[in-house]
Amino acid sequence: MGHGVVLLREVLPGTTPDPEVLGYAAAHGLIMVTCNRDDFVALAQAQPHHGLIVLFRRKSRTAERAVLVRLVEKAGAQGLARNINFA
């Protein structure tokens, strides 16, 4: 779809605290996708970020991807940037 993806485990240790993870994404202009709603929504309200997508768990990864793709197509990069979105 023309979007770049950075996997957390490829750029940061798995033990990196959540505030640093969101900070890394913000510093690199990345919109973060997470299923960790409880921690990251609160963080995104308290610290600068480039955008956050909270992905709700579905019965399959295929269903999760489909919802994510629909959100990206509907909102576009401008609609996702600097917002907290739910999919």
N, C-alpha and C. Protein backbone atom coordinates (compact mmCIF):
# COMPACT_ATOMS: atom_id res chain seq x y z
N MET A 1 0.82 -1.20 0.00
CA MET A 1 0.00 0.00 0.00
C MET A 1 0.86 1.26 0.00
N GLY A 2 2.16 1.09 -0.01
CA GLY A 2 3.03 2.25 -0.07
C GLY A 2 3.42 2.83 1.27
N HIS A 3 3.06 2.19 2.35
CA HIS A 3 3.41 2.68 3.68
C HIS A 3 4.61 1.89 4.19
N GLY A 4 5.54 2.59 4.83
CA GLY A 4 6.67 1.92 5.45
C GLY A 4 6.27 1.39 6.81
N VAL A 5 6.85 0.28 7.21
CA VAL A 5 6.56 -0.33 8.51
C VAL A 5 7.88 -0.59 9.21
N VAL A 6 7.94 -0.22 10.49
CA VAL A 6 9.10 -0.50 11.32
C VAL A 6 8.63 -1.38 12.46
N LEU A 7 9.23 -2.53 12.61
CA LEU A 7 8.87 -3.42 13.71
C LEU A 7 9.68 -3.05 14.95
N LEU A 8 9.00 -2.91 16.06
CA LEU A 8 9.64 -2.52 17.30
C LEU A 8 10.84 -3.39 17.61
N ARG A 9 10.69 -4.68 17.49
CA ARG A 9 11.76 -5.60 17.86
C ARG A 9 13.00 -5.45 16.98
N GLU A 10 12.87 -4.75 15.85
CA GLU A 10 14.02 -4.53 14.98
C GLU A 10 14.80 -3.26 15.33
N VAL A 11 14.21 -2.38 16.13
CA VAL A 11 14.87 -1.11 16.43
C VAL A 11 15.08 -0.84 17.92
N LEU A 12 14.33 -1.52 18.77
CA LEU A 12 14.44 -1.33 20.22
C LEU A 12 14.40 -2.67 20.93
N PRO A 13 15.07 -2.77 22.07
CA PRO A 13 14.97 -4.00 22.85
C PRO A 13 13.53 -4.23 23.32
N GLY A 14 13.13 -5.45 23.49
CA GLY A 14 11.78 -5.78 23.93
C GLY A 14 11.46 -5.28 25.32
N THR A 15 12.48 -4.91 26.07
CA THR A 15 12.28 -4.42 27.43
C THR A 15 12.17 -2.89 27.50
N THR A 16 12.14 -2.23 26.35
CA THR A 16 12.06 -0.77 26.33
C THR A 16 10.75 -0.31 26.96
N PRO A 17 10.80 0.61 27.92
CA PRO A 17 9.58 1.11 28.55
C PRO A 17 8.66 1.80 27.53
N ASP A 18 7.36 1.69 27.76
CA ASP A 18 6.37 2.25 26.84
C ASP A 18 6.60 3.73 26.51
N PRO A 19 6.92 4.59 27.48
CA PRO A 19 7.14 6.00 27.13
C PRO A 19 8.28 6.18 26.12
N GLU A 20 9.31 5.36 26.23
CA GLU A 20 10.42 5.44 25.29
C GLU A 20 10.01 4.92 23.91
N VAL A 21 9.16 3.92 23.88
CA VAL A 21 8.67 3.39 22.61
C VAL A 21 7.89 4.47 21.87
N LEU A 22 6.96 5.12 22.56
CA LEU A 22 6.17 6.18 21.94
C LEU A 22 7.07 7.35 21.56
N GLY A 23 8.04 7.65 22.40
CA GLY A 23 9.00 8.71 22.09
C GLY A 23 9.82 8.40 20.85
N TYR A 24 10.23 7.15 20.69
CA TYR A 24 10.97 6.74 19.49
C TYR A 24 10.12 6.96 18.24
N ALA A 25 8.87 6.53 18.31
CA ALA A 25 7.98 6.70 17.17
C ALA A 25 7.80 8.18 16.84
N ALA A 26 7.62 9.00 17.87
CA ALA A 26 7.44 10.44 17.65
C ALA A 26 8.69 11.06 17.04
N ALA A 27 9.85 10.70 17.56
CA ALA A 27 11.11 11.26 17.07
C ALA A 27 11.38 10.91 15.62
N HIS A 28 10.84 9.78 15.16
CA HIS A 28 11.06 9.33 13.80
C HIS A 28 9.86 9.58 12.89
N GLY A 29 8.86 10.31 13.38
CA GLY A 29 7.68 10.64 12.57
C GLY A 29 6.83 9.44 12.22
N LEU A 30 6.77 8.47 13.14
CA LEU A 30 6.03 7.23 12.89
C LEU A 30 4.69 7.23 13.61
N ILE A 31 3.69 6.72 12.95
CA ILE A 31 2.40 6.47 13.59
C ILE A 31 2.48 5.08 14.19
N MET A 32 2.23 5.00 15.47
CA MET A 32 2.38 3.73 16.17
C MET A 32 1.09 2.94 16.16
N VAL A 33 1.21 1.63 15.94
CA VAL A 33 0.07 0.71 15.99
C VAL A 33 0.31 -0.22 17.17
N THR A 34 -0.68 -0.33 18.05
CA THR A 34 -0.54 -1.16 19.23
C THR A 34 -1.89 -1.77 19.62
N CYS A 35 -1.84 -2.86 20.34
CA CYS A 35 -3.04 -3.44 20.95
C CYS A 35 -3.09 -3.08 22.43
N ASN A 36 -2.07 -2.40 22.92
CA ASN A 36 -1.95 -2.05 24.33
C ASN A 36 -2.68 -0.73 24.60
N ARG A 37 -3.98 -0.80 24.60
CA ARG A 37 -4.83 0.39 24.76
C ARG A 37 -4.61 1.06 26.10
N ASP A 38 -4.61 0.31 27.17
CA ASP A 38 -4.57 0.90 28.51
C ASP A 38 -3.35 1.78 28.73
N ASP A 39 -2.18 1.32 28.31
CA ASP A 39 -0.96 2.08 28.54
C ASP A 39 -0.76 3.20 27.52
N PHE A 40 -0.97 2.91 26.24
CA PHE A 40 -0.58 3.88 25.21
C PHE A 40 -1.58 5.01 25.02
N VAL A 41 -2.84 4.81 25.29
CA VAL A 41 -3.79 5.93 25.19
C VAL A 41 -3.44 6.97 26.25
N ALA A 42 -3.18 6.52 27.46
CA ALA A 42 -2.79 7.46 28.53
C ALA A 42 -1.48 8.17 28.18
N LEU A 43 -0.51 7.45 27.66
CA LEU A 43 0.76 8.06 27.27
C LEU A 43 0.57 9.08 26.16
N ALA A 44 -0.23 8.73 25.16
CA ALA A 44 -0.43 9.63 24.02
C ALA A 44 -1.15 10.91 24.44
N GLN A 45 -1.91 10.84 25.51
CA GLN A 45 -2.57 12.04 26.02
C GLN A 45 -1.61 12.90 26.83
N ALA A 46 -0.51 12.31 27.29
CA ALA A 46 0.42 13.00 28.18
C ALA A 46 1.72 13.45 27.51
N GLN A 47 2.07 12.85 26.38
CA GLN A 47 3.33 13.21 25.74
C GLN A 47 3.13 13.36 24.24
N PRO A 48 3.99 14.15 23.59
CA PRO A 48 3.86 14.35 22.15
C PRO A 48 4.00 13.02 21.40
N HIS A 49 3.25 12.90 20.33
CA HIS A 49 3.34 11.70 19.49
C HIS A 49 2.98 12.08 18.07
N HIS A 50 3.35 11.23 17.13
CA HIS A 50 3.05 11.50 15.72
C HIS A 50 1.73 10.90 15.30
N GLY A 51 1.18 10.03 16.12
CA GLY A 51 -0.09 9.38 15.84
C GLY A 51 -0.11 8.01 16.49
N LEU A 52 -1.29 7.59 16.86
CA LEU A 52 -1.45 6.30 17.53
C LEU A 52 -2.69 5.61 16.98
N ILE A 53 -2.53 4.34 16.63
CA ILE A 53 -3.66 3.50 16.25
C ILE A 53 -3.74 2.37 17.28
N VAL A 54 -4.85 2.29 17.96
CA VAL A 54 -5.09 1.21 18.91
C VAL A 54 -5.90 0.15 18.17
N LEU A 55 -5.30 -0.99 17.97
CA LEU A 55 -5.92 -2.08 17.23
C LEU A 55 -6.53 -3.06 18.21
N PHE A 56 -7.84 -3.25 18.12
CA PHE A 56 -8.51 -4.21 18.98
C PHE A 56 -8.28 -5.62 18.45
N ARG A 57 -8.03 -6.54 19.35
CA ARG A 57 -7.80 -7.93 18.96
C ARG A 57 -9.05 -8.51 18.30
N ARG A 58 -8.84 -9.24 17.22
CA ARG A 58 -9.91 -9.92 16.52
C ARG A 58 -9.64 -11.43 16.58
N LYS A 59 -10.53 -12.20 15.97
CA LYS A 59 -10.37 -13.66 15.99
C LYS A 59 -9.16 -14.12 15.19
N SER A 60 -8.72 -13.31 14.24
CA SER A 60 -7.57 -13.69 13.43
C SER A 60 -6.75 -12.46 13.07
N ARG A 61 -5.50 -12.68 12.73
CA ARG A 61 -4.64 -11.59 12.26
C ARG A 61 -5.17 -11.03 10.96
N THR A 62 -5.77 -11.87 10.14
CA THR A 62 -6.35 -11.42 8.88
C THR A 62 -7.45 -10.39 9.14
N ALA A 63 -8.30 -10.66 10.11
CA ALA A 63 -9.36 -9.71 10.46
C ALA A 63 -8.77 -8.42 11.00
N GLU A 64 -7.71 -8.52 11.81
CA GLU A 64 -7.05 -7.32 12.34
C GLU A 64 -6.47 -6.48 11.20
N ARG A 65 -5.79 -7.13 10.26
CA ARG A 65 -5.22 -6.41 9.13
C ARG A 65 -6.29 -5.73 8.29
N ALA A 66 -7.41 -6.40 8.09
CA ALA A 66 -8.49 -5.84 7.28
C ALA A 66 -9.03 -4.56 7.91
N VAL A 67 -9.21 -4.56 9.22
CA VAL A 67 -9.71 -3.37 9.91
C VAL A 67 -8.67 -2.25 9.83
N LEU A 68 -7.42 -2.60 10.00
CA LEU A 68 -6.35 -1.60 9.93
C LEU A 68 -6.26 -0.98 8.54
N VAL A 69 -6.34 -1.80 7.51
CA VAL A 69 -6.30 -1.30 6.14
C VAL A 69 -7.48 -0.37 5.87
N ARG A 70 -8.67 -0.74 6.32
CA ARG A 70 -9.84 0.13 6.13
C ARG A 70 -9.64 1.48 6.81
N LEU A 71 -9.09 1.47 8.02
CA LEU A 71 -8.86 2.73 8.71
C LEU A 71 -7.87 3.59 7.96
N VAL A 72 -6.77 3.01 7.51
CA VAL A 72 -5.74 3.76 6.79
C VAL A 72 -6.32 4.32 5.49
N GLU A 73 -7.10 3.52 4.77
CA GLU A 73 -7.70 3.99 3.52
C GLU A 73 -8.71 5.11 3.79
N LYS A 74 -9.49 4.99 4.84
CA LYS A 74 -10.52 5.98 5.14
C LYS A 74 -9.93 7.28 5.66
N ALA A 75 -9.02 7.19 6.61
CA ALA A 75 -8.49 8.38 7.27
C ALA A 75 -7.34 9.02 6.49
N GLY A 76 -6.55 8.20 5.82
CA GLY A 76 -5.36 8.72 5.15
C GLY A 76 -4.32 9.16 6.16
N ALA A 77 -3.13 9.44 5.68
CA ALA A 77 -2.03 9.82 6.56
C ALA A 77 -2.35 11.08 7.35
N GLN A 78 -2.99 12.03 6.71
CA GLN A 78 -3.32 13.29 7.41
C GLN A 78 -4.32 13.06 8.53
N GLY A 79 -5.27 12.18 8.33
CA GLY A 79 -6.27 11.90 9.36
C GLY A 79 -5.72 11.10 10.52
N LEU A 80 -4.64 10.35 10.29
CA LEU A 80 -4.05 9.54 11.34
C LEU A 80 -3.00 10.31 12.13
N ALA A 81 -2.32 11.22 11.47
CA ALA A 81 -1.21 11.94 12.10
C ALA A 81 -1.69 12.77 13.29
N ARG A 82 -0.96 12.62 14.38
CA ARG A 82 -1.18 13.37 15.62
C ARG A 82 -2.54 13.12 16.27
N ASN A 83 -3.20 12.07 15.89
CA ASN A 83 -4.49 11.69 16.48
C ASN A 83 -4.36 10.33 17.14
N ILE A 84 -5.31 10.04 18.01
CA ILE A 84 -5.45 8.70 18.58
C ILE A 84 -6.65 8.07 17.86
N ASN A 85 -6.38 6.98 17.15
CA ASN A 85 -7.41 6.30 16.36
C ASN A 85 -7.62 4.88 16.88
N PHE A 86 -8.82 4.38 16.71
CA PHE A 86 -9.14 3.03 17.16
C PHE A 86 -9.61 2.20 15.97
N ALA A 87 -9.11 0.98 15.89
CA ALA A 87 -9.49 0.10 14.78
C ALA A 87 -9.82 -1.28 15.30
